[in-house]
Amino acid sequence: MAITKQKGDIAEAFITYLLKQNGFNVLIPWGEDNRYDLVSEKNGVFKRIQVKYITPNNGALEVVFRSSNNYNIIHYSSKDVDIIAVYSPEGKVYFIPLDNIKKCCKLRLLPTKNNQKKYVIMASKYESRFDLLEK
């Protein structure tokens, strides 16, 4: 099992690869003190992207819009980050605009067992949504 930093590196590399494949320029900020991991640019549109490596659990990806280390907790807001890019180890990527969701969300990979639809966010809604990076 990869440690946290290795997982983050894997996710960032994979997302950078996908962005380049889809015609985006990718900028990487200098240093570790930034709220975002990457910046995408296409046709003059820049998006700050925070990358998350998330392993599915019980048919869902639980996305928390914060980061923590030994010293502090950083909450992401739309003032600092435009998109949360979720990398799942199955090789899928989900682009979630930060202005849609406040603190966290669960992206369902599978329908709920009780067929609940209200307040359920299907992961497919955000899967490979490169168009969200072009607006």
Protein backbone atom coordinates (compact mmCIF):
# COMPACT_ATOMS: atom_id res chain seq x y z
CA MET A 1 0.00 0.00 0.00
CA ALA A 2 1.32 3.42 -0.95
CA ILE A 3 1.79 6.02 1.76
CA THR A 4 -0.16 9.27 1.61
CA LYS A 5 2.50 11.34 -0.22
CA GLN A 6 3.02 8.57 -2.79
CA LYS A 7 -0.73 8.35 -3.37
CA GLY A 8 -0.90 12.10 -3.92
CA ASP A 9 1.99 11.94 -6.39
CA ILE A 10 0.29 9.11 -8.30
CA ALA A 11 -2.99 11.05 -8.48
CA GLU A 12 -1.30 14.29 -9.59
CA ALA A 13 0.74 12.49 -12.27
CA PHE A 14 -2.31 10.66 -13.63
CA ILE A 15 -4.46 13.79 -13.73
CA THR A 16 -1.63 15.76 -15.37
CA TYR A 17 -1.38 13.01 -18.00
CA LEU A 18 -5.14 13.13 -18.69
CA LEU A 19 -5.17 16.91 -18.89
CA LYS A 20 -2.29 16.92 -21.38
CA GLN A 21 -4.03 14.21 -23.42
CA ASN A 22 -7.10 16.44 -23.61
CA GLY A 23 -5.26 19.54 -24.85
CA PHE A 24 -4.71 21.38 -21.57
CA ASN A 25 -1.53 23.09 -20.45
CA VAL A 26 -0.65 22.18 -16.87
CA LEU A 27 1.13 24.50 -14.46
CA ILE A 28 2.57 23.22 -11.19
CA PRO A 29 2.94 25.75 -8.35
CA TRP A 30 6.29 26.07 -6.64
CA GLY A 31 6.46 24.84 -3.03
CA GLU A 32 4.11 23.01 -0.71
CA ASP A 33 2.19 25.96 0.76
CA ASN A 34 -0.43 26.31 -1.97
CA ARG A 35 -4.09 25.42 -1.59
CA TYR A 36 -4.07 23.87 -5.07
CA ASP A 37 -1.86 21.20 -6.65
CA LEU A 38 -2.17 22.06 -10.34
CA VAL A 39 -3.45 24.77 -12.64
CA SER A 40 -5.01 23.81 -15.95
CA GLU A 41 -5.17 26.20 -18.88
CA LYS A 42 -6.95 25.86 -22.18
CA ASN A 43 -7.92 28.70 -24.51
CA GLY A 44 -7.04 31.27 -21.86
CA VAL A 45 -9.20 29.69 -19.14
CA PHE A 46 -7.24 28.88 -15.97
CA LYS A 47 -8.53 26.56 -13.21
CA ARG A 48 -6.87 25.89 -9.85
CA ILE A 49 -7.13 22.18 -9.09
CA GLN A 50 -6.78 20.39 -5.76
CA VAL A 51 -6.08 16.69 -6.33
CA LYS A 52 -7.36 13.93 -4.04
CA TYR A 53 -6.55 10.20 -4.14
CA ILE A 54 -9.61 8.43 -2.76
CA THR A 55 -10.15 4.70 -2.43
CA PRO A 56 -13.78 3.60 -2.80
CA ASN A 57 -15.54 2.43 0.34
CA ASN A 58 -18.97 0.76 0.35
CA GLY A 59 -19.69 1.81 -3.23
CA ALA A 60 -18.82 5.48 -2.73
CA LEU A 61 -15.96 7.97 -2.78
CA GLU A 62 -16.07 10.23 0.27
CA VAL A 63 -14.58 13.58 -0.71
CA VAL A 64 -13.66 15.95 2.13
CA PHE A 65 -12.77 19.48 1.08
CA ARG A 66 -9.89 19.96 3.47
CA SER A 67 -6.31 18.91 3.96
CA SER A 68 -4.44 18.32 7.18
CA ASN A 69 -0.90 17.69 8.29
CA ASN A 70 0.78 17.58 11.68
CA TYR A 71 0.42 21.32 12.11
CA ASN A 72 -2.91 22.53 10.77
CA ILE A 73 -6.09 21.85 8.83
CA ILE A 74 -6.74 23.71 5.58
CA HIS A 75 -10.35 24.04 4.41
CA TYR A 76 -10.70 24.63 0.68
CA SER A 77 -12.98 27.35 -0.56
CA SER A 78 -13.87 28.68 -4.00
CA LYS A 79 -11.63 31.68 -3.24
CA ASP A 80 -8.59 29.35 -3.30
CA VAL A 81 -9.56 26.37 -5.46
CA ASP A 82 -11.82 26.02 -8.49
CA ILE A 83 -11.98 22.24 -8.93
CA ILE A 84 -11.42 19.19 -6.75
CA ALA A 85 -10.05 16.41 -8.96
CA VAL A 86 -10.67 13.00 -7.41
CA TYR A 87 -8.48 10.13 -8.55
CA SER A 88 -9.80 6.64 -7.82
CA PRO A 89 -7.30 3.74 -7.98
CA GLU A 90 -9.45 2.08 -10.66
CA GLY A 91 -8.03 4.77 -12.96
CA LYS A 92 -11.06 7.06 -13.00
CA VAL A 93 -11.05 10.80 -12.40
CA TYR A 94 -13.90 13.02 -11.22
CA PHE A 95 -13.84 16.84 -11.52
CA ILE A 96 -16.00 18.55 -8.89
CA PRO A 97 -16.48 22.34 -9.03
CA LEU A 98 -15.89 23.66 -5.53
CA ASP A 99 -18.67 26.23 -5.81
CA ASN A 100 -21.25 23.41 -5.92
CA ILE A 101 -20.43 21.78 -2.59
CA LYS A 102 -19.42 23.21 0.79
CA LYS A 103 -17.52 20.78 3.05
CA CYS A 104 -17.77 17.25 1.72
CA CYS A 105 -19.71 14.92 -0.51
CA LYS A 106 -20.10 11.25 -1.24
CA LEU A 107 -19.91 10.29 -4.86
CA ARG A 108 -21.86 7.07 -5.31
CA LEU A 109 -20.23 4.56 -7.64
CA LEU A 110 -23.16 2.19 -7.23
CA PRO A 111 -26.82 2.92 -6.57
CA THR A 112 -27.86 2.88 -2.92
CA LYS A 113 -29.20 -0.42 -1.59
CA ASN A 114 -32.56 1.18 -0.73
CA ASN A 115 -32.76 2.94 -4.14
CA GLN A 116 -32.71 6.37 -2.50
CA LYS A 117 -32.28 9.13 -5.09
CA LYS A 118 -32.76 12.33 -3.09
CA TYR A 119 -29.47 13.87 -1.91
CA VAL A 120 -27.50 11.14 -3.71
CA ILE A 121 -24.71 12.31 -6.00
CA MET A 122 -23.73 9.75 -8.59
CA ALA A 123 -20.02 9.77 -9.42
CA SER A 124 -20.82 9.50 -13.12
CA LYS A 125 -22.10 13.10 -12.99
CA TYR A 126 -18.48 14.29 -12.56
CA GLU A 127 -16.51 11.53 -14.29
CA SER A 128 -13.97 12.89 -16.80
CA ARG A 129 -15.81 16.24 -16.99
CA PHE A 130 -13.05 18.16 -18.77
CA ASP A 131 -15.72 20.63 -19.95
CA LEU A 132 -15.87 21.98 -16.37
CA LEU A 133 -12.28 23.11 -16.78
CA GLU A 134 -13.03 25.07 -19.96
CA LYS A 135 -15.69 27.46 -18.58
